[in-house]
Amino acid sequence: MIPGPDMVIGCPRCGALHRRWSLASGNTFGAVLWSDGWFEAPMRPLPPLVARCMGCHAFFWVARAVELGHVDRVTSQCGETFTTLTLESTGARRIEVMQRLRSDLGMGLQEVKHFVAQLPARLGEYDHLGTARHIADRFEELGARVSSTRIVTQPDVPMPPREWTEAPQVQDVSEALFLDALREGLATTSDEERELRQWAWWQGNKAYRRDAPWVPLAQRTPQVRDNAEALMTLCALDDAEHRWMHAELLRELERFEEALTILNLPPFPALGPGLESLRDAARRADSRLLPLPAGSAPAVEP
């Protein structure tokens, strides 16, 4: 994992400056897919989804904030070479390419659909040619067409304004703050509401990915249980990712028979070995958050 520059963004409401970190490159070595759908990759962490402004305290979507510039963490006086990869086309194995965008680049389902609809689109920028070549090979082996461009940066980059370097870093949002963002009306569509509620769930499960004693959703606070119930109403049974999510929420709520009913609906999208892990846990009345076997993933639908 190689850190990239800090991007300087402005709060959409009051314009207060913030910095958000970026990655020049990352990888999925040591990554774990959890039963709630969280893909944990220590060498490629996900950027913050939303933030609370340090000025006006309003919530905003980090990716939608206007980028004003960037601050290099280490200012180099030497030229640097970067390789930019562009996905030109998916080829015939479109769904498999979409799955790889999710597993290798950490994209969400909606992000993948939008990305593929806008081809050609940039896969990323890498300062190691070997890393860029490895990523390109991963997509080309599926029949996708990937182009690359090498760019040499110029030395003697001028220093950024002082207010940029002193801007506070965007902080990760907790489960409680995600629920606050929902109450304050940050979500304006059902897709946005589902995304915020899913992240609240993921953040609520964060401690249990370590060594914290498991507490089922059914035994957590009323606000957490209400979020789980609301999230289930936003899940469509004809969507692979939603079915996974719905069944897992039921299992963590200790509603095992209902979870099995969804997991056994034919045809269930191919989840690899993860499907049987979820079924087995539900049959054993086990609500614990589970790391899933390698190769498990909800099917990506075009």
C-alpha atoms as a PDB file:
ATOM      1  CA  MET A   1       0.000   0.000   0.000  1.00  0.00           C
ATOM      2  CA  ILE A   2       1.370   3.394  -1.035  1.00  0.00           C
ATOM      3  CA  PRO A   3      -0.343   6.548   0.251  1.00  0.00           C
ATOM      4  CA  GLY A   4      -1.317   9.132  -2.334  1.00  0.00           C
ATOM      5  CA  PRO A   5      -1.752  12.861  -1.834  1.00  0.00           C
ATOM      6  CA  ASP A   6      -4.379  14.292   0.491  1.00  0.00           C
ATOM      7  CA  MET A   7      -7.229  15.723  -1.583  1.00  0.00           C
ATOM      8  CA  VAL A   8      -8.497  19.122  -0.421  1.00  0.00           C
ATOM      9  CA  ILE A   9     -12.292  19.334  -0.504  1.00  0.00           C
ATOM     10  CA  GLY A  10     -14.840  21.940   0.500  1.00  0.00           C
ATOM     11  CA  CYS A  11     -18.024  21.359   2.483  1.00  0.00           C
ATOM     12  CA  PRO A  12     -20.934  21.691   0.009  1.00  0.00           C
ATOM     13  CA  ARG A  13     -22.877  23.709   2.573  1.00  0.00           C
ATOM     14  CA  CYS A  14     -20.419  26.204   4.083  1.00  0.00           C
ATOM     15  CA  GLY A  15     -17.232  25.717   2.051  1.00  0.00           C
ATOM     16  CA  ALA A  16     -15.045  24.789   5.047  1.00  0.00           C
ATOM     17  CA  LEU A  17     -11.873  23.029   3.913  1.00  0.00           C
ATOM     18  CA  HIS A  18     -11.112  19.393   4.719  1.00  0.00           C
ATOM     19  CA  ARG A  19      -8.517  16.899   3.586  1.00  0.00           C
ATOM     20  CA  ARG A  20      -9.209  13.296   2.655  1.00  0.00           C
ATOM     21  CA  TRP A  21      -6.489  10.723   2.204  1.00  0.00           C
ATOM     22  CA  SER A  22      -5.966   8.787  -1.022  1.00  0.00           C
ATOM     23  CA  LEU A  23      -3.979   5.754  -2.127  1.00  0.00           C
ATOM     24  CA  ALA A  24      -1.458   5.727  -4.948  1.00  0.00           C
ATOM     25  CA  SER A  25      -1.690   1.931  -4.981  1.00  0.00           C
ATOM     26  CA  GLY A  26      -2.979  -0.923  -2.871  1.00  0.00           C
ATOM     27  CA  ASN A  27      -3.627  -4.644  -2.986  1.00  0.00           C
ATOM     28  CA  THR A  28      -5.933  -7.282  -1.529  1.00  0.00           C
ATOM     29  CA  PHE A  29      -3.290  -9.431   0.180  1.00  0.00           C
ATOM     30  CA  GLY A  30      -4.701 -10.604   3.502  1.00  0.00           C
ATOM     31  CA  ALA A  31      -8.217  -9.447   2.610  1.00  0.00           C
ATOM     32  CA  VAL A  32     -11.274 -11.026   4.262  1.00  0.00           C
ATOM     33  CA  LEU A  33     -14.901 -11.022   3.110  1.00  0.00           C
ATOM     34  CA  TRP A  34     -17.274 -11.056   6.078  1.00  0.00           C
ATOM     35  CA  SER A  35     -20.768 -12.488   6.160  1.00  0.00           C
ATOM     36  CA  ASP A  36     -22.318  -8.997   6.371  1.00  0.00           C
ATOM     37  CA  GLY A  37     -20.692  -8.146   3.023  1.00  0.00           C
ATOM     38  CA  TRP A  38     -17.845  -6.028   4.420  1.00  0.00           C
ATOM     39  CA  PHE A  39     -14.668  -6.540   2.381  1.00  0.00           C
ATOM     40  CA  GLU A  40     -11.739  -5.893   4.708  1.00  0.00           C
ATOM     41  CA  ALA A  41      -8.465  -5.270   2.885  1.00  0.00           C
ATOM     42  CA  PRO A  42      -5.734  -3.915   5.216  1.00  0.00           C
ATOM     43  CA  MET A  43      -3.601  -2.860   2.249  1.00  0.00           C
ATOM     44  CA  ARG A  44      -6.476  -1.125   0.454  1.00  0.00           C
ATOM     45  CA  PRO A  45      -8.817   0.508   2.976  1.00  0.00           C
ATOM     46  CA  LEU A  46     -12.025   2.123   1.767  1.00  0.00           C
ATOM     47  CA  PRO A  47     -12.192   5.929   1.872  1.00  0.00           C
ATOM     48  CA  PRO A  48     -14.816   7.594   4.088  1.00  0.00           C
ATOM     49  CA  LEU A  49     -18.316   7.569   2.582  1.00  0.00           C
ATOM     50  CA  VAL A  50     -19.707  10.581   4.432  1.00  0.00           C
ATOM     51  CA  ALA A  51     -18.289  13.165   6.808  1.00  0.00           C
ATOM     52  CA  ARG A  52     -19.508  15.708   9.320  1.00  0.00           C
ATOM     53  CA  CYS A  53     -18.252  19.193   8.464  1.00  0.00           C
ATOM     54  CA  MET A  54     -15.860  20.608  11.054  1.00  0.00           C
ATOM     55  CA  GLY A  55     -17.294  24.057  10.353  1.00  0.00           C
ATOM     56  CA  CYS A  56     -21.098  23.906  10.117  1.00  0.00           C
ATOM     57  CA  HIS A  57     -21.438  20.301  11.434  1.00  0.00           C
ATOM     58  CA  ALA A  58     -23.652  19.252   8.501  1.00  0.00           C
ATOM     59  CA  PHE A  59     -23.157  15.798   6.976  1.00  0.00           C
ATOM     60  CA  PHE A  60     -22.028  15.519   3.354  1.00  0.00           C
ATOM     61  CA  TRP A  61     -21.045  12.825   0.840  1.00  0.00           C
ATOM     62  CA  VAL A  62     -17.251  12.870   0.650  1.00  0.00           C
ATOM     63  CA  ALA A  63     -17.018  11.700  -2.978  1.00  0.00           C
ATOM     64  CA  ARG A  64     -19.392  14.473  -4.096  1.00  0.00           C
ATOM     65  CA  ALA A  65     -17.529  17.326  -2.431  1.00  0.00           C
ATOM     66  CA  VAL A  66     -15.704  19.683  -4.789  1.00  0.00           C
ATOM     67  CA  GLU A  67     -11.979  18.896  -5.021  1.00  0.00           C
ATOM     68  CA  LEU A  68      -9.967  22.113  -4.794  1.00  0.00           C
ATOM     69  CA  GLY A  69      -6.527  20.567  -5.099  1.00  0.00           C
ATOM     70  CA  HIS A  70      -4.183  18.216  -3.318  1.00  0.00           C
ATOM     71  CA  VAL A  71      -1.429  18.212  -0.727  1.00  0.00           C
ATOM     72  CA  ASP A  72       1.448  15.781  -1.183  1.00  0.00           C
ATOM     73  CA  ARG A  73       2.407  14.129   2.093  1.00  0.00           C
ATOM     74  CA  VAL A  74       6.016  14.139   0.964  1.00  0.00           C
ATOM     75  CA  THR A  75       7.046  16.900  -1.422  1.00  0.00           C
ATOM     76  CA  SER A  76       9.562  15.495  -3.891  1.00  0.00           C
ATOM     77  CA  GLN A  77      11.928  17.596  -5.957  1.00  0.00           C
ATOM     78  CA  CYS A  78      12.471  14.742  -8.410  1.00  0.00           C
ATOM     79  CA  GLY A  79      10.321  13.770 -11.330  1.00  0.00           C
ATOM     80  CA  GLU A  80       8.159  10.709 -10.737  1.00  0.00           C
ATOM     81  CA  THR A  81       6.668   8.262 -13.218  1.00  0.00           C
ATOM     82  CA  PHE A  82       3.092   7.049 -12.923  1.00  0.00           C
ATOM     83  CA  THR A  83       1.158   4.528 -14.985  1.00  0.00           C
ATOM     84  CA  THR A  84      -2.520   5.220 -15.610  1.00  0.00           C
ATOM     85  CA  LEU A  85      -4.696   2.213 -16.478  1.00  0.00           C
ATOM     86  CA  THR A  86      -7.941   2.617 -18.430  1.00  0.00           C
ATOM     87  CA  LEU A  87     -10.561  -0.093 -18.895  1.00  0.00           C
ATOM     88  CA  GLU A  88     -11.518   0.283 -22.550  1.00  0.00           C
ATOM     89  CA  SER A  89     -14.037  -2.581 -22.763  1.00  0.00           C
ATOM     90  CA  THR A  90     -15.157  -5.596 -20.722  1.00  0.00           C
ATOM     91  CA  GLY A  91     -15.272  -8.079 -23.570  1.00  0.00           C
ATOM     92  CA  ALA A  92     -17.661 -11.027 -23.569  1.00  0.00           C
ATOM     93  CA  ARG A  93     -17.177 -11.908 -19.871  1.00  0.00           C
ATOM     94  CA  ARG A  94     -18.774  -8.697 -18.627  1.00  0.00           C
ATOM     95  CA  ILE A  95     -20.193 -10.043 -15.359  1.00  0.00           C
ATOM     96  CA  GLU A  96     -16.850 -11.603 -14.364  1.00  0.00           C
ATOM     97  CA  VAL A  97     -15.086  -8.300 -15.076  1.00  0.00           C
ATOM     98  CA  MET A  98     -17.662  -6.529 -12.882  1.00  0.00           C
ATOM     99  CA  GLN A  99     -17.029  -9.050 -10.111  1.00  0.00           C
ATOM    100  CA  ARG A 100     -13.295  -8.384 -10.388  1.00  0.00           C
ATOM    101  CA  LEU A 101     -13.864  -4.628 -10.154  1.00  0.00           C
ATOM    102  CA  ARG A 102     -15.588  -5.330  -6.845  1.00  0.00           C
ATOM    103  CA  SER A 103     -13.063  -7.803  -5.465  1.00  0.00           C
ATOM    104  CA  ASP A 104      -9.837  -6.137  -6.678  1.00  0.00           C
ATOM    105  CA  LEU A 105     -10.722  -2.442  -6.589  1.00  0.00           C
ATOM    106  CA  GLY A 106     -13.260  -2.428  -3.752  1.00  0.00           C
ATOM    107  CA  MET A 107     -16.102  -0.874  -5.738  1.00  0.00           C
ATOM    108  CA  GLY A 108     -19.687  -1.116  -4.535  1.00  0.00           C
ATOM    109  CA  LEU A 109     -22.388  -2.658  -6.710  1.00  0.00           C
ATOM    110  CA  GLN A 110     -23.875   0.657  -7.861  1.00  0.00           C
ATOM    111  CA  GLU A 111     -20.400   2.092  -8.445  1.00  0.00           C
ATOM    112  CA  VAL A 112     -19.498  -0.900 -10.657  1.00  0.00           C
ATOM    113  CA  LYS A 113     -22.674  -0.555 -12.714  1.00  0.00           C
ATOM    114  CA  HIS A 114     -22.031   3.164 -13.237  1.00  0.00           C
ATOM    115  CA  PHE A 115     -18.335   2.547 -14.003  1.00  0.00           C
ATOM    116  CA  VAL A 116     -19.055  -0.059 -16.706  1.00  0.00           C
ATOM    117  CA  ALA A 117     -21.777   2.091 -18.257  1.00  0.00           C
ATOM    118  CA  GLN A 118     -19.239   4.922 -18.751  1.00  0.00           C
ATOM    119  CA  LEU A 119     -16.441   2.968 -20.504  1.00  0.00           C
ATOM    120  CA  PRO A 120     -13.727   3.784 -21.271  1.00  0.00           C
ATOM    121  CA  ALA A 121     -13.013   4.649 -17.624  1.00  0.00           C
ATOM    122  CA  ARG A 122      -9.865   4.989 -15.517  1.00  0.00           C
ATOM    123  CA  LEU A 123      -8.957   2.012 -13.316  1.00  0.00           C
ATOM    124  CA  GLY A 124      -6.308   3.877 -11.368  1.00  0.00           C
ATOM    125  CA  GLU A 125      -2.883   5.491 -11.283  1.00  0.00           C
ATOM    126  CA  TYR A 126       0.156   3.557 -10.047  1.00  0.00           C
ATOM    127  CA  ASP A 127       3.724   4.583  -9.292  1.00  0.00           C
ATOM    128  CA  HIS A 128       5.058   1.025  -9.674  1.00  0.00           C
ATOM    129  CA  LEU A 129       4.950  -0.425 -13.165  1.00  0.00           C
ATOM    130  CA  GLY A 130       4.805  -3.967 -11.770  1.00  0.00           C
ATOM    131  CA  THR A 131       1.668  -3.188  -9.777  1.00  0.00           C
ATOM    132  CA  ALA A 132       0.014  -1.632 -12.825  1.00  0.00           C
ATOM    133  CA  ARG A 133       0.960  -4.620 -14.970  1.00  0.00           C
ATOM    134  CA  HIS A 134      -0.433  -7.076 -12.396  1.00  0.00           C
ATOM    135  CA  ILE A 135      -3.775  -5.257 -12.246  1.00  0.00           C
ATOM    136  CA  ALA A 136      -3.997  -5.010 -16.041  1.00  0.00           C
ATOM    137  CA  ASP A 137      -3.241  -8.744 -16.342  1.00  0.00           C
ATOM    138  CA  ARG A 138      -6.046  -9.553 -13.878  1.00  0.00           C
ATOM    139  CA  PHE A 139      -8.600  -7.940 -16.199  1.00  0.00           C
ATOM    140  CA  GLU A 140      -7.039  -8.962 -19.500  1.00  0.00           C
ATOM    141  CA  GLU A 141      -7.131 -12.646 -18.505  1.00  0.00           C
ATOM    142  CA  LEU A 142     -10.926 -12.269 -18.518  1.00  0.00           C
ATOM    143  CA  GLY A 143     -10.867 -10.860 -22.052  1.00  0.00           C
ATOM    144  CA  ALA A 144     -11.168  -7.194 -21.058  1.00  0.00           C
ATOM    145  CA  ARG A 145      -9.170  -4.574 -22.944  1.00  0.00           C
ATOM    146  CA  VAL A 146      -6.960  -2.354 -20.764  1.00  0.00           C
ATOM    147  CA  SER A 147      -4.792   0.503 -22.011  1.00  0.00           C
ATOM    148  CA  SER A 148      -1.961   2.168 -20.100  1.00  0.00           C
ATOM    149  CA  THR A 149      -0.317   5.585 -20.202  1.00  0.00           C
ATOM    150  CA  ARG A 150       2.920   6.535 -18.463  1.00  0.00           C
ATOM    151  CA  ILE A 151       3.215  10.073 -17.131  1.00  0.00           C
ATOM    152  CA  VAL A 152       6.350  11.734 -15.758  1.00  0.00           C
ATOM    153  CA  THR A 153       5.609  14.450 -13.220  1.00  0.00           C
ATOM    154  CA  GLN A 154       7.651  17.614 -13.224  1.00  0.00           C
ATOM    155  CA  PRO A 155       9.952  18.487 -10.297  1.00  0.00           C
ATOM    156  CA  ASP A 156       9.791  21.673  -8.243  1.00  0.00           C
ATOM    157  CA  VAL A 157       6.095  21.474  -7.514  1.00  0.00           C
ATOM    158  CA  PRO A 158       4.941  24.718  -5.835  1.00  0.00           C
ATOM    159  CA  MET A 159       3.872  24.448  -2.216  1.00  0.00           C
ATOM    160  CA  PRO A 160       0.101  24.394  -1.600  1.00  0.00           C
ATOM    161  CA  PRO A 161      -1.628  27.234   0.278  1.00  0.00           C
ATOM    162  CA  ARG A 162      -1.243  27.155   4.049  1.00  0.00           C
ATOM    163  CA  GLU A 163      -5.004  26.793   4.608  1.00  0.00           C
ATOM    164  CA  TRP A 164      -4.880  23.568   2.579  1.00  0.00           C
ATOM    165  CA  THR A 165      -2.082  22.023   4.640  1.00  0.00           C
ATOM    166  CA  GLU A 166      -3.800  23.029   7.890  1.00  0.00           C
ATOM    167  CA  ALA A 167      -7.252  21.759   6.889  1.00  0.00           C
ATOM    168  CA  PRO A 168      -8.514  18.953   9.177  1.00  0.00           C
ATOM    169  CA  GLN A 169      -8.612  15.377   7.957  1.00  0.00           C
ATOM    170  CA  VAL A 170     -12.006  13.844   7.211  1.00  0.00           C
ATOM    171  CA  GLN A 171     -12.785  11.408  10.030  1.00  0.00           C
ATOM    172  CA  ASP A 172     -14.443   8.003   9.786  1.00  0.00           C
ATOM    173  CA  VAL A 173     -18.118   8.098  10.747  1.00  0.00           C
ATOM    174  CA  SER A 174     -19.371   5.803  13.517  1.00  0.00           C
ATOM    175  CA  GLU A 175     -22.566   3.758  13.509  1.00  0.00           C
ATOM    176  CA  ALA A 176     -24.305   6.411  15.624  1.00  0.00           C
ATOM    177  CA  LEU A 177     -23.242   9.204  13.264  1.00  0.00           C
ATOM    178  CA  PHE A 178     -24.486   7.297  10.207  1.00  0.00           C
ATOM    179  CA  LEU A 179     -27.867   7.037  11.933  1.00  0.00           C
ATOM    180  CA  ASP A 180     -27.685  10.770  12.714  1.00  0.00           C
ATOM    181  CA  ALA A 181     -26.995  11.477   9.033  1.00  0.00           C
ATOM    182  CA  LEU A 182     -30.130   9.520   8.124  1.00  0.00           C
ATOM    183  CA  ARG A 183     -32.205  11.444  10.648  1.00  0.00           C
ATOM    184  CA  GLU A 184     -30.863  14.731   9.285  1.00  0.00           C
ATOM    185  CA  GLY A 185     -32.006  13.807   5.769  1.00  0.00           C
ATOM    186  CA  LEU A 186     -28.681  13.212   4.006  1.00  0.00           C
ATOM    187  CA  ALA A 187     -30.247  10.398   1.946  1.00  0.00           C
ATOM    188  CA  THR A 188     -32.601  11.669  -0.759  1.00  0.00           C
ATOM    189  CA  THR A 189     -33.202   8.372  -2.612  1.00  0.00           C
ATOM    190  CA  SER A 190     -33.828   4.777  -1.556  1.00  0.00           C
ATOM    191  CA  ASP A 191     -30.405   3.772  -2.911  1.00  0.00           C
ATOM    192  CA  GLU A 192     -28.721   6.421  -0.753  1.00  0.00           C
ATOM    193  CA  GLU A 193     -30.743   5.383   2.280  1.00  0.00           C
ATOM    194  CA  ARG A 194     -29.795   1.738   1.763  1.00  0.00           C
ATOM    195  CA  GLU A 195     -26.115   2.654   1.446  1.00  0.00           C
ATOM    196  CA  LEU A 196     -26.125   4.719   4.659  1.00  0.00           C
ATOM    197  CA  ARG A 197     -28.009   2.035   6.580  1.00  0.00           C
ATOM    198  CA  GLN A 198     -25.639  -0.650   5.293  1.00  0.00           C
ATOM    199  CA  TRP A 199     -22.601   1.360   6.403  1.00  0.00           C
ATOM    200  CA  ALA A 200     -24.194   1.937   9.812  1.00  0.00           C
ATOM    201  CA  TRP A 201     -24.603  -1.853  10.103  1.00  0.00           C
ATOM    202  CA  TRP A 202     -21.011  -2.442   9.008  1.00  0.00           C
ATOM    203  CA  GLN A 203     -19.694   0.093  11.516  1.00  0.00           C
ATOM    204  CA  GLY A 204     -21.805  -1.474  14.263  1.00  0.00           C
ATOM    205  CA  ASN A 205     -20.182  -4.831  13.481  1.00  0.00           C
ATOM    206  CA  LYS A 206     -16.654  -3.385  13.395  1.00  0.00           C
ATOM    207  CA  ALA A 207     -15.684  -4.421  16.932  1.00  0.00           C
ATOM    208  CA  TYR A 208     -16.805  -8.006  16.275  1.00  0.00           C
ATOM    209  CA  ARG A 209     -14.308  -8.377  13.443  1.00  0.00           C
ATOM    210  CA  ARG A 210     -11.679  -8.393  16.192  1.00  0.00           C
ATOM    211  CA  ASP A 211     -12.104 -10.050  19.576  1.00  0.00           C
ATOM    212  CA  ALA A 212     -15.177  -8.353  21.044  1.00  0.00           C
ATOM    213  CA  PRO A 213     -17.750 -10.852  22.421  1.00  0.00           C
ATOM    214  CA  TRP A 214     -20.573 -11.193  19.904  1.00  0.00           C
ATOM    215  CA  VAL A 215     -23.882  -9.448  20.571  1.00  0.00           C
ATOM    216  CA  PRO A 216     -26.677 -10.389  18.123  1.00  0.00           C
ATOM    217  CA  LEU A 217     -28.532  -7.553  16.412  1.00  0.00           C
ATOM    218  CA  ALA A 218     -31.636  -8.697  18.280  1.00  0.00           C
ATOM    219  CA  GLN A 219     -29.947  -7.759  21.578  1.00  0.00           C
ATOM    220  CA  ARG A 220     -28.547  -4.358  20.603  1.00  0.00           C
ATOM    221  CA  THR A 221     -30.143  -0.936  21.044  1.00  0.00           C
ATOM    222  CA  PRO A 222     -33.600  -0.123  19.626  1.00  0.00           C
ATOM    223  CA  GLN A 223     -31.966   2.286  17.145  1.00  0.00           C
ATOM    224  CA  VAL A 224     -29.713  -0.482  15.814  1.00  0.00           C
ATOM    225  CA  ARG A 225     -32.604  -2.931  15.539  1.00  0.00           C
ATOM    226  CA  ASP A 226     -34.738  -0.309  13.788  1.00  0.00           C
ATOM    227  CA  ASN A 227     -31.931   0.266  11.289  1.00  0.00           C
ATOM    228  CA  ALA A 228     -31.753  -3.468  10.543  1.00  0.00           C
ATOM    229  CA  GLU A 229     -35.523  -3.647  10.012  1.00  0.00           C
ATOM    230  CA  ALA A 230     -35.483  -0.586   7.737  1.00  0.00           C
ATOM    231  CA  LEU A 231     -32.542  -1.977   5.761  1.00  0.00           C
ATOM    232  CA  MET A 232     -34.402  -5.231   5.123  1.00  0.00           C
ATOM    233  CA  THR A 233     -37.368  -3.335   3.662  1.00  0.00           C
ATOM    234  CA  LEU A 234     -34.956  -1.770   1.156  1.00  0.00           C
ATOM    235  CA  CYS A 235     -33.677  -5.162  -0.057  1.00  0.00           C
ATOM    236  CA  ALA A 236     -35.090  -6.518  -3.323  1.00  0.00           C
ATOM    237  CA  LEU A 237     -35.190 -10.321  -3.536  1.00  0.00           C
ATOM    238  CA  ASP A 238     -34.382 -10.222  -7.263  1.00  0.00           C
ATOM    239  CA  ASP A 239     -31.022  -8.555  -6.543  1.00  0.00           C
ATOM    240  CA  ALA A 240     -28.117 -10.843  -5.607  1.00  0.00           C
ATOM    241  CA  GLU A 241     -26.446  -8.481  -3.168  1.00  0.00           C
ATOM    242  CA  HIS A 242     -29.754  -7.542  -1.545  1.00  0.00           C
ATOM    243  CA  ARG A 243     -30.688 -11.188  -0.962  1.00  0.00           C
ATOM    244  CA  TRP A 244     -27.349 -11.841   0.708  1.00  0.00           C
ATOM    245  CA  MET A 245     -27.857  -8.743   2.864  1.00  0.00           C
ATOM    246  CA  HIS A 246     -31.456  -9.628   3.801  1.00  0.00           C
ATOM    247  CA  ALA A 247     -30.599 -13.201   4.782  1.00  0.00           C
ATOM    248  CA  GLU A 248     -27.598 -12.092   6.849  1.00  0.00           C
ATOM    249  CA  LEU A 249     -29.610  -9.431   8.679  1.00  0.00           C
ATOM    250  CA  LEU A 250     -32.224 -12.045   9.582  1.00  0.00           C
ATOM    251  CA  ARG A 251     -29.511 -14.422  10.803  1.00  0.00           C
ATOM    252  CA  GLU A 252     -27.876 -11.726  12.966  1.00  0.00           C
ATOM    253  CA  LEU A 253     -31.355 -10.893  14.322  1.00  0.00           C
ATOM    254  CA  GLU A 254     -31.633 -14.574  15.360  1.00  0.00           C
ATOM    255  CA  ARG A 255     -34.505 -15.147  12.928  1.00  0.00           C
ATOM    256  CA  PHE A 256     -32.913 -18.283  11.570  1.00  0.00           C
ATOM    257  CA  GLU A 257     -35.897 -19.923   9.862  1.00  0.00           C
ATOM    258  CA  GLU A 258     -36.613 -16.744   7.904  1.00  0.00           C
ATOM    259  CA  ALA A 259     -32.947 -16.498   6.928  1.00  0.00           C
ATOM    260  CA  LEU A 260     -32.991 -20.095   5.675  1.00  0.00           C
ATOM    261  CA  THR A 261     -36.136 -19.438   3.683  1.00  0.00           C
ATOM    262  CA  ILE A 262     -34.341 -16.707   1.726  1.00  0.00           C
ATOM    263  CA  LEU A 263     -31.100 -18.682   1.421  1.00  0.00           C
ATOM    264  CA  ASN A 264     -33.036 -21.640   0.012  1.00  0.00           C
ATOM    265  CA  LEU A 265     -35.075 -19.674  -2.537  1.00  0.00           C
ATOM    266  CA  PRO A 266     -34.364 -21.057  -6.033  1.00  0.00           C
ATOM    267  CA  PRO A 267     -32.414 -20.010  -7.908  1.00  0.00           C
ATOM    268  CA  PHE A 268     -30.072 -18.331  -5.445  1.00  0.00           C
ATOM    269  CA  PRO A 269     -27.191 -16.422  -7.085  1.00  0.00           C
ATOM    270  CA  ALA A 270     -23.835 -18.186  -7.038  1.00  0.00           C
ATOM    271  CA  LEU A 271     -22.067 -17.235  -3.820  1.00  0.00           C
ATOM    272  CA  GLY A 272     -19.439 -19.931  -3.948  1.00  0.00           C
ATOM    273  CA  PRO A 273     -18.588 -21.587  -0.622  1.00  0.00           C
ATOM    274  CA  GLY A 274     -20.061 -18.638   1.288  1.00  0.00           C
ATOM    275  CA  LEU A 275     -23.642 -19.730   0.636  1.00  0.00           C
ATOM    276  CA  GLU A 276     -23.248 -23.031   2.448  1.00  0.00           C
ATOM    277  CA  SER A 277     -21.452 -21.285   5.316  1.00  0.00           C
ATOM    278  CA  LEU A 278     -24.459 -19.003   5.799  1.00  0.00           C
ATOM    279  CA  ARG A 279     -26.919 -21.894   5.538  1.00  0.00           C
ATOM    280  CA  ASP A 280     -24.952 -23.999   8.004  1.00  0.00           C
ATOM    281  CA  ALA A 281     -24.788 -21.154  10.530  1.00  0.00           C
ATOM    282  CA  ALA A 282     -28.538 -20.553  10.228  1.00  0.00           C
ATOM    283  CA  ARG A 283     -29.280 -24.270  10.696  1.00  0.00           C
ATOM    284  CA  ARG A 284     -27.144 -24.247  13.865  1.00  0.00           C
ATOM    285  CA  ALA A 285     -28.924 -21.100  15.127  1.00  0.00           C
ATOM    286  CA  ASP A 286     -25.572 -19.288  15.074  1.00  0.00           C
ATOM    287  CA  SER A 287     -25.970 -15.520  14.621  1.00  0.00           C
ATOM    288  CA  ARG A 288     -22.272 -14.617  14.860  1.00  0.00           C
ATOM    289  CA  LEU A 289     -20.522 -12.507  12.238  1.00  0.00           C
ATOM    290  CA  LEU A 290     -18.443 -14.887  10.098  1.00  0.00           C
ATOM    291  CA  PRO A 291     -15.347 -14.591   7.913  1.00  0.00           C
ATOM    292  CA  LEU A 292     -16.257 -16.361   4.679  1.00  0.00           C
ATOM    293  CA  PRO A 293     -14.123 -18.826   2.701  1.00  0.00           C
ATOM    294  CA  ALA A 294     -12.051 -17.535  -0.198  1.00  0.00           C
ATOM    295  CA  GLY A 295     -14.039 -17.251  -3.408  1.00  0.00           C
ATOM    296  CA  SER A 296     -17.283 -16.214  -1.707  1.00  0.00           C
ATOM    297  CA  ALA A 297     -19.074 -13.210  -3.191  1.00  0.00           C
ATOM    298  CA  PRO A 298     -22.582 -12.187  -4.146  1.00  0.00           C
ATOM    299  CA  ALA A 299     -23.098 -12.351  -7.912  1.00  0.00           C
ATOM    300  CA  VAL A 300     -22.845  -9.032  -9.733  1.00  0.00           C
ATOM    301  CA  GLU A 301     -25.756  -8.446 -12.055  1.00  0.00           C
ATOM    302  CA  PRO A 302     -25.471  -6.125 -15.073  1.00  0.00           C
END
